[in-house]
Amino acid sequence: MDKAPWTRSDALVAVGAAAVDLLGYTLGNSGEGLPVSVPGCLLLVLAALPLLVRGRWPAPVLGAVLAIGAAFNLSEPQLTHFGAAPAVALYTAVRFCRPALGAAATVGAALVVLLTQTHDRALTWSDALSSTVAAAMVAVTAVAVRRWQQQVSDNRRLLAERAVAEERRRIARELHDIVAHHITTMQLMAGGARANLGRDPEVVREALVTLESSGRLALREMRQLLDVLRAGDEAGPGRTAPDAPQPGVDELGKLIEDSVRAGLPTELRVVGEARPLEPTLGLTVYRIVQEALTNTRKHAGRARAVVELTYRPEELLVEVRDDGAGGPPAEPTSGRAGYGLVGMKERVALHGGSLTAGPPAEGGYLVLGRFPLAPTAAAT
């Protein structure tokens, strides 16, 4: 069924305009000793009726209102004024029509109201000025509202575009961290198995077990990410997707074990009293350690790695250090400072922290992330 050509707000505006014009007509004429006629009241009500469809046909509605208003002015002795119905019709036309048509409507409305008055006194500059100023004020208000709404619409569009871009970056970071870590592990294990074929069956078996485990973990984490994306689509606008299980600080021990099985001797150290972290922060810490260890296996050669979490009253330090091919302090190579490092910095920045990466003076490579934490009760 087709919906009505007007809305409830349009009906309220039409009723309000008719009431204001009727009140102004009766009080104004009574105060000046002029008659108040039933046909005049009916014309004022009739002039407000087109406002019901002002949203669909703003220009024709303005023409109809001005025509009925002119008939009222020519048939009824009354004081010159810019009525509520013409004001609403002009406002709608200027707001929704082209600028040229809006300007013509403003001039036309002022002239119609001014030139059709029949009050028994001569037309004065004050009359002309009042009608012109009234029409201009309505037009300026309509233009200001239109520009404000356009700005609001543009801001919403920009925010939506930024949200989409940020979501794409988030997905890219997750995909990179998941794929890069597990594919690197699988590549190293496959290479180790190939190198030991026919020589050390036990090493080959362990390498194949680790390769299988990495593939299974990669599929599981990819499935978790896809579940989050699918749930977000099904939730619809204004609704949030349920949280899927994501790794955090508690899973670092398992990550260290996987790193050791992949051939990188790794040690986990915790300094200070460990504190529960928000899930998003825990995931960020996990991904930073995961990416740093992946880079170490790819670039450091035969090395050892140390992962150290330092809990301070208002700060968490995440340090991943290796003693591999680092050399003297220098700018990281493009391979080592690729998308993974950019993704790590973006993750840390989302939590108000900072991240540095590079070879320290003593050699090797160091990744250091700093995260602000809420003060503990003991610290306060």
Protein backbone atom coordinates (compact mmCIF):
# COMPACT_ATOMS: atom_id res chain seq x y z
CA MET A 1 0.00 0.00 0.00
CA ASP A 2 1.36 3.45 -0.98
CA LYS A 3 2.11 5.66 1.94
CA ALA A 4 0.38 9.03 2.37
CA PRO A 5 1.94 11.99 0.51
CA TRP A 6 2.39 13.80 3.81
CA THR A 7 3.85 13.01 7.19
CA ARG A 8 2.61 13.68 10.71
CA SER A 9 5.08 16.54 11.05
CA ASP A 10 3.73 18.09 7.82
CA ALA A 11 0.22 17.91 9.25
CA LEU A 12 1.33 19.53 12.49
CA VAL A 13 3.08 22.31 10.57
CA ALA A 14 -0.03 22.95 8.46
CA VAL A 15 -2.29 23.08 11.52
CA GLY A 16 0.17 25.33 13.35
CA ALA A 17 0.48 27.74 10.41
CA ALA A 18 -3.29 27.97 10.05
CA ALA A 19 -3.70 28.61 13.78
CA VAL A 20 -1.03 31.33 13.81
CA ASP A 21 -2.52 33.09 10.77
CA LEU A 22 -6.06 32.89 12.15
CA LEU A 23 -4.92 34.27 15.50
CA GLY A 24 -3.00 37.10 13.85
CA TYR A 25 -5.95 37.91 11.57
CA THR A 26 -8.55 38.04 14.34
CA LEU A 27 -6.44 39.85 16.93
CA GLY A 28 -4.93 42.29 14.43
CA ASN A 29 -8.20 43.27 12.81
CA SER A 30 -10.02 43.45 16.14
CA GLY A 31 -7.36 45.76 17.50
CA GLU A 32 -7.63 48.04 14.45
CA GLY A 33 -11.44 47.97 14.37
CA LEU A 34 -11.53 45.95 11.14
CA PRO A 35 -14.09 43.19 10.53
CA VAL A 36 -13.25 39.49 10.85
CA SER A 37 -15.16 37.47 8.25
CA VAL A 38 -15.84 33.76 7.92
CA PRO A 39 -14.67 33.71 4.26
CA GLY A 40 -11.40 35.30 5.37
CA CYS A 41 -10.88 32.62 8.00
CA LEU A 42 -11.67 29.90 5.46
CA LEU A 43 -9.12 31.35 3.03
CA LEU A 44 -6.44 31.30 5.72
CA VAL A 45 -7.21 27.65 6.48
CA LEU A 46 -7.24 26.86 2.76
CA ALA A 47 -3.85 28.57 2.35
CA ALA A 48 -2.35 26.22 4.93
CA LEU A 49 -3.66 23.01 3.35
CA PRO A 50 -1.00 22.79 0.60
CA LEU A 51 1.64 22.62 3.33
CA LEU A 52 0.63 18.99 3.83
CA VAL A 53 2.55 18.06 0.66
CA ARG A 54 5.31 20.66 0.88
CA GLY A 55 7.99 17.96 1.11
CA ARG A 56 7.02 16.47 -2.26
CA TRP A 57 6.28 19.56 -4.30
CA PRO A 58 7.87 22.59 -2.59
CA ALA A 59 7.68 25.00 -5.56
CA PRO A 60 4.03 24.27 -6.52
CA VAL A 61 3.05 24.45 -2.86
CA LEU A 62 4.62 27.90 -2.57
CA GLY A 63 2.74 29.04 -5.68
CA ALA A 64 -0.57 27.74 -4.32
CA VAL A 65 -0.06 29.33 -0.91
CA LEU A 66 0.87 32.69 -2.43
CA ALA A 67 -2.12 32.58 -4.80
CA ILE A 68 -4.56 31.87 -1.98
CA GLY A 69 -2.81 34.47 0.18
CA ALA A 70 -3.16 37.05 -2.60
CA ALA A 71 -6.88 36.27 -2.86
CA PHE A 72 -7.19 36.75 0.90
CA ASN A 73 -5.30 40.05 0.83
CA LEU A 74 -7.40 41.40 -2.05
CA SER A 75 -10.73 40.36 -0.54
CA GLU A 76 -10.20 41.14 3.12
CA PRO A 77 -9.30 44.46 4.75
CA GLN A 78 -6.34 43.63 6.98
CA LEU A 79 -2.94 44.84 8.05
CA THR A 80 -0.01 44.05 5.77
CA HIS A 81 1.93 41.12 7.20
CA PHE A 82 3.97 38.10 6.11
CA GLY A 83 1.81 35.18 7.24
CA ALA A 84 2.94 31.87 8.73
CA ALA A 85 1.76 29.76 5.77
CA PRO A 86 3.73 31.80 3.17
CA ALA A 87 6.76 31.75 5.49
CA VAL A 88 6.68 27.94 5.80
CA ALA A 89 6.12 27.47 2.07
CA LEU A 90 8.97 29.85 1.21
CA TYR A 91 11.29 28.16 3.71
CA THR A 92 10.59 24.76 2.15
CA ALA A 93 11.08 26.00 -1.41
CA VAL A 94 14.38 27.73 -0.68
CA ARG A 95 15.68 24.76 1.29
CA PHE A 96 14.89 22.05 -1.25
CA CYS A 97 14.89 23.81 -4.65
CA ARG A 98 17.78 25.06 -6.75
CA PRO A 99 19.40 28.31 -5.56
CA ALA A 100 18.13 30.31 -8.55
CA LEU A 101 14.58 29.13 -7.99
CA GLY A 102 14.91 29.84 -4.27
CA ALA A 103 16.02 33.42 -4.95
CA ALA A 104 13.14 33.97 -7.37
CA ALA A 105 10.71 32.51 -4.83
CA THR A 106 11.98 34.90 -2.15
CA VAL A 107 11.48 37.98 -4.35
CA GLY A 108 8.10 36.73 -5.57
CA ALA A 109 6.83 36.03 -2.06
CA ALA A 110 7.81 39.50 -0.85
CA LEU A 111 6.12 41.18 -3.85
CA VAL A 112 2.91 39.15 -3.56
CA VAL A 113 2.51 39.92 0.13
CA LEU A 114 3.36 43.56 -0.41
CA LEU A 115 1.40 44.40 -3.59
CA THR A 116 -1.86 42.64 -2.74
CA GLN A 117 -2.60 44.39 0.54
CA THR A 118 -5.82 46.50 0.55
CA HIS A 119 -5.57 48.29 3.87
CA ASP A 120 -6.84 51.87 3.49
CA ARG A 121 -3.52 53.62 3.90
CA ALA A 122 -0.85 54.42 1.40
CA LEU A 123 1.96 51.94 0.80
CA THR A 124 5.07 53.10 2.62
CA TRP A 125 8.77 52.26 2.55
CA SER A 126 8.25 50.69 5.95
CA ASP A 127 5.77 48.23 4.41
CA ALA A 128 8.20 47.40 1.61
CA LEU A 129 11.07 46.99 4.03
CA SER A 130 9.14 44.79 6.45
CA SER A 131 7.94 42.42 3.71
CA THR A 132 11.39 42.25 2.13
CA VAL A 133 13.15 41.66 5.44
CA ALA A 134 10.63 38.99 6.45
CA ALA A 135 11.08 37.10 3.18
CA ALA A 136 14.87 37.49 3.32
CA MET A 137 15.03 36.20 6.90
CA VAL A 138 13.03 33.11 5.96
CA ALA A 139 15.28 32.49 2.94
CA VAL A 140 18.50 32.99 4.91
CA THR A 141 17.28 30.58 7.59
CA ALA A 142 16.46 27.97 4.95
CA VAL A 143 19.88 28.34 3.29
CA ALA A 144 21.64 28.10 6.66
CA VAL A 145 19.73 24.94 7.59
CA ARG A 146 20.43 23.40 4.18
CA ARG A 147 24.17 24.07 4.47
CA TRP A 148 24.26 22.77 8.03
CA GLN A 149 22.50 19.56 7.02
CA GLN A 150 24.86 19.17 4.06
CA GLN A 151 27.82 19.55 6.39
CA VAL A 152 26.36 16.99 8.79
CA SER A 153 25.80 14.60 5.87
CA ASP A 154 29.37 15.12 4.63
CA ASN A 155 30.75 14.54 8.12
CA ARG A 156 28.77 11.33 8.47
CA ARG A 157 30.01 10.14 5.08
CA LEU A 158 33.61 10.91 6.03
CA LEU A 159 33.22 9.11 9.35
CA ALA A 160 31.75 6.10 7.55
CA GLU A 161 34.62 6.10 5.04
CA ARG A 162 37.15 6.34 7.85
CA ALA A 163 35.44 3.50 9.70
CA VAL A 164 35.56 1.34 6.57
CA ALA A 165 39.23 2.19 6.01
CA GLU A 166 40.09 1.42 9.64
CA GLU A 167 38.21 -1.87 9.45
CA ARG A 168 40.15 -2.77 6.31
CA ARG A 169 43.42 -1.98 8.07
CA ARG A 170 42.35 -4.05 11.06
CA ILE A 171 41.49 -7.02 8.85
CA ALA A 172 44.76 -6.61 6.95
CA ARG A 173 46.70 -6.61 10.23
CA GLU A 174 44.92 -9.74 11.44
CA LEU A 175 45.43 -11.55 8.14
CA HIS A 176 49.09 -10.57 8.00
CA ASP A 177 49.78 -11.66 11.56
CA ILE A 178 47.96 -14.97 11.18
CA VAL A 179 49.30 -15.89 7.75
CA ALA A 180 52.85 -14.58 8.16
CA HIS A 181 53.43 -16.34 11.47
CA HIS A 182 52.05 -19.73 10.56
CA ILE A 183 53.30 -19.79 6.96
CA THR A 184 56.80 -18.87 8.14
CA THR A 185 56.70 -21.68 10.71
CA MET A 186 55.42 -24.14 8.12
CA GLN A 187 58.08 -23.07 5.63
CA LEU A 188 60.89 -23.51 8.17
CA MET A 189 59.57 -26.87 9.34
CA ALA A 190 59.19 -28.13 5.78
CA GLY A 191 62.75 -27.04 5.04
CA GLY A 192 64.01 -28.76 8.18
CA ALA A 193 62.17 -31.95 7.34
CA ARG A 194 63.58 -31.97 3.81
CA ALA A 195 67.12 -31.38 5.09
CA ASN A 196 66.87 -34.34 7.50
CA LEU A 197 65.18 -36.84 5.22
CA GLY A 198 67.00 -40.16 5.48
CA ARG A 199 69.25 -38.91 8.28
CA ASP A 200 67.17 -38.22 11.40
CA PRO A 201 63.63 -39.59 11.28
CA GLU A 202 62.81 -38.17 14.73
CA VAL A 203 63.66 -34.62 13.66
CA VAL A 204 61.61 -35.11 10.51
CA ARG A 205 58.67 -36.40 12.54
CA GLU A 206 58.78 -33.44 14.96
CA ALA A 207 59.02 -31.02 12.05
CA LEU A 208 55.99 -32.58 10.37
CA VAL A 209 54.03 -32.51 13.64
CA THR A 210 54.84 -28.82 14.07
CA LEU A 211 53.96 -28.14 10.44
CA GLU A 212 50.62 -29.87 10.88
CA SER A 213 49.95 -27.99 14.12
CA SER A 214 50.76 -24.64 12.52
CA GLY A 215 48.43 -25.35 9.63
CA ARG A 216 45.64 -26.32 12.01
CA LEU A 217 46.16 -23.17 14.13
CA ALA A 218 46.20 -20.99 11.02
CA LEU A 219 42.89 -22.44 9.86
CA ARG A 220 41.38 -22.01 13.33
CA GLU A 221 42.43 -18.36 13.63
CA MET A 222 41.28 -17.63 10.07
CA ARG A 223 37.93 -19.21 10.91
CA GLN A 224 37.66 -17.06 14.04
CA LEU A 225 38.36 -13.93 12.01
CA LEU A 226 35.80 -14.90 9.36
CA ASP A 227 33.23 -15.65 12.08
CA VAL A 228 33.69 -12.14 13.46
CA LEU A 229 33.25 -10.61 10.00
CA ARG A 230 30.20 -12.76 9.23
CA ALA A 231 28.63 -11.97 12.61
CA GLY A 232 29.20 -8.26 11.96
CA ASP A 233 27.32 -8.50 8.65
CA GLU A 234 24.44 -10.41 10.24
CA ALA A 235 24.20 -7.98 13.16
CA GLY A 236 23.18 -5.16 10.84
CA PRO A 237 23.53 -1.41 11.34
CA GLY A 238 23.69 -0.20 14.91
CA ARG A 239 24.35 -3.66 16.32
CA THR A 240 27.65 -5.17 17.35
CA ALA A 241 28.94 -8.59 16.53
CA PRO A 242 29.59 -11.06 19.34
CA ASP A 243 33.19 -11.42 20.36
CA ALA A 244 34.93 -14.53 19.05
CA PRO A 245 37.62 -16.14 21.21
CA GLN A 246 40.91 -14.39 20.54
CA PRO A 247 44.39 -15.17 21.87
CA GLY A 248 45.79 -13.01 24.63
CA VAL A 249 48.57 -12.83 27.20
CA ASP A 250 47.53 -16.18 28.68
CA GLU A 251 48.36 -17.86 25.34
CA LEU A 252 51.92 -16.49 25.20
CA GLY A 253 53.25 -19.67 26.83
CA LYS A 254 51.82 -21.74 23.99
CA LEU A 255 53.26 -19.28 21.48
CA ILE A 256 56.70 -19.64 23.07
CA GLU A 257 56.43 -23.43 22.89
CA ASP A 258 55.54 -23.22 19.20
CA SER A 259 58.52 -20.94 18.63
CA VAL A 260 60.86 -23.41 20.32
CA ARG A 261 59.47 -26.30 18.27
CA ALA A 262 59.99 -24.19 15.15
CA GLY A 263 63.71 -24.03 15.93
CA LEU A 264 64.00 -20.68 17.73
CA PRO A 265 65.05 -21.04 21.39
CA THR A 266 62.76 -18.59 23.17
CA GLU A 267 62.32 -17.62 26.81
CA LEU A 268 59.37 -15.84 28.42
CA ARG A 269 59.99 -13.54 31.38
CA VAL A 270 57.46 -11.62 33.46
CA VAL A 271 58.69 -8.73 35.61
CA GLY A 272 56.38 -7.26 38.23
CA GLU A 273 52.93 -8.40 39.25
CA ALA A 274 50.91 -9.57 36.27
CA ARG A 275 47.56 -7.85 35.83
CA PRO A 276 44.46 -8.81 33.84
CA LEU A 277 44.29 -6.91 30.56
CA GLU A 278 41.37 -5.95 28.39
CA PRO A 279 40.79 -8.52 25.61
CA THR A 280 41.77 -6.08 22.85
CA LEU A 281 44.97 -5.11 24.65
CA GLY A 282 45.78 -8.75 25.35
CA LEU A 283 45.29 -9.56 21.66
CA THR A 284 47.58 -6.68 20.69
CA VAL A 285 50.34 -7.89 23.03
CA TYR A 286 49.98 -11.41 21.64
CA ARG A 287 50.17 -10.22 18.02
CA ILE A 288 53.23 -8.06 18.69
CA VAL A 289 55.11 -10.96 20.25
CA GLN A 290 53.93 -13.26 17.46
CA GLU A 291 55.08 -10.88 14.71
CA ALA A 292 58.40 -10.15 16.41
CA LEU A 293 59.20 -13.86 16.78
CA THR A 294 58.17 -14.47 13.17
CA ASN A 295 60.57 -11.75 12.01
CA THR A 296 63.34 -13.23 14.15
CA ARG A 297 62.91 -16.65 12.56
CA LYS A 298 62.89 -15.09 9.10
CA HIS A 299 65.79 -12.66 9.43
CA ALA A 300 67.99 -13.43 12.44
CA GLY A 301 69.42 -16.77 11.37
CA ARG A 302 70.61 -18.92 14.27
CA ALA A 303 69.53 -16.89 17.27
CA ARG A 304 67.92 -16.97 20.67
CA ALA A 305 64.97 -14.80 21.65
CA VAL A 306 63.69 -13.41 24.92
CA VAL A 307 60.14 -12.16 25.44
CA GLU A 308 59.80 -9.96 28.51
CA LEU A 309 56.64 -8.40 29.94
CA THR A 310 57.27 -5.69 32.53
CA TYR A 311 54.25 -4.60 34.58
CA ARG A 312 54.58 -1.15 36.10
CA PRO A 313 51.90 0.75 38.06
CA GLU A 314 50.83 2.78 35.02
CA GLU A 315 52.60 1.10 32.13
CA LEU A 316 53.17 -2.26 30.46
CA LEU A 317 56.40 -2.86 28.55
CA VAL A 318 56.51 -5.62 25.94
CA GLU A 319 60.05 -6.43 24.84
CA VAL A 320 61.11 -9.01 22.26
CA ARG A 321 64.88 -9.25 21.84
CA ASP A 322 67.06 -11.61 19.84
CA ASP A 323 70.83 -12.04 19.54
CA GLY A 324 70.87 -12.81 15.84
CA ALA A 325 72.14 -10.89 12.83
CA GLY A 326 71.59 -7.38 14.09
CA GLY A 327 74.95 -5.63 13.78
CA PRO A 328 75.57 -2.02 14.77
CA PRO A 329 72.69 0.45 15.06
CA ALA A 330 71.24 1.13 11.62
CA GLU A 331 67.95 1.70 9.89
CA PRO A 332 65.98 -1.53 9.54
CA THR A 333 65.97 -3.08 6.11
CA SER A 334 62.85 -2.94 4.03
CA GLY A 335 62.19 -6.62 4.61
CA ARG A 336 62.42 -6.28 8.33
CA ALA A 337 60.47 -3.03 8.51
CA GLY A 338 57.72 -4.10 6.16
CA TYR A 339 54.00 -4.25 6.69
CA GLY A 340 54.37 -6.25 9.90
CA LEU A 341 56.14 -3.40 11.67
CA VAL A 342 53.60 -0.90 10.36
CA GLY A 343 50.79 -3.11 11.61
CA MET A 344 52.41 -3.43 15.04
CA LYS A 345 52.74 0.35 15.35
CA GLU A 346 49.10 0.81 14.33
CA ARG A 347 47.97 -1.72 16.92
CA VAL A 348 49.96 -0.07 19.70
CA ALA A 349 48.78 3.43 18.70
CA LEU A 350 45.14 2.33 19.07
CA HIS A 351 45.85 1.82 22.79
CA GLY A 352 47.65 5.14 23.20
CA GLY A 353 51.08 3.52 23.33
CA SER A 354 54.25 3.58 21.27
CA LEU A 355 56.50 1.04 19.60
CA THR A 356 60.14 1.14 18.56
CA ALA A 357 62.07 -1.47 16.63
CA GLY A 358 65.67 -1.73 15.52
CA PRO A 359 69.09 -3.18 16.30
CA PRO A 360 70.43 -2.08 19.71
CA ALA A 361 74.09 -1.26 20.33
CA GLU A 362 74.89 -4.72 21.66
CA GLY A 363 73.61 -6.39 18.49
CA GLY A 364 70.61 -8.46 17.60
CA TYR A 365 67.19 -6.87 17.19
CA LEU A 366 64.80 -5.30 19.67
CA VAL A 367 61.07 -4.64 19.50
CA LEU A 368 59.77 -2.57 22.42
CA GLY A 369 56.12 -1.67 22.95
CA ARG A 370 54.84 0.65 25.68
CA PHE A 371 51.20 0.58 26.76
CA PRO A 372 49.60 2.92 29.31
CA LEU A 373 47.67 1.15 32.06
CA ALA A 374 45.18 2.40 34.60
CA PRO A 375 46.87 2.94 37.99
CA THR A 376 46.56 0.02 40.36
CA ALA A 377 44.92 0.39 43.76
CA ALA A 378 48.30 -0.05 45.43
CA ALA A 379 49.81 2.74 43.34
CA THR A 380 47.04 5.16 44.20
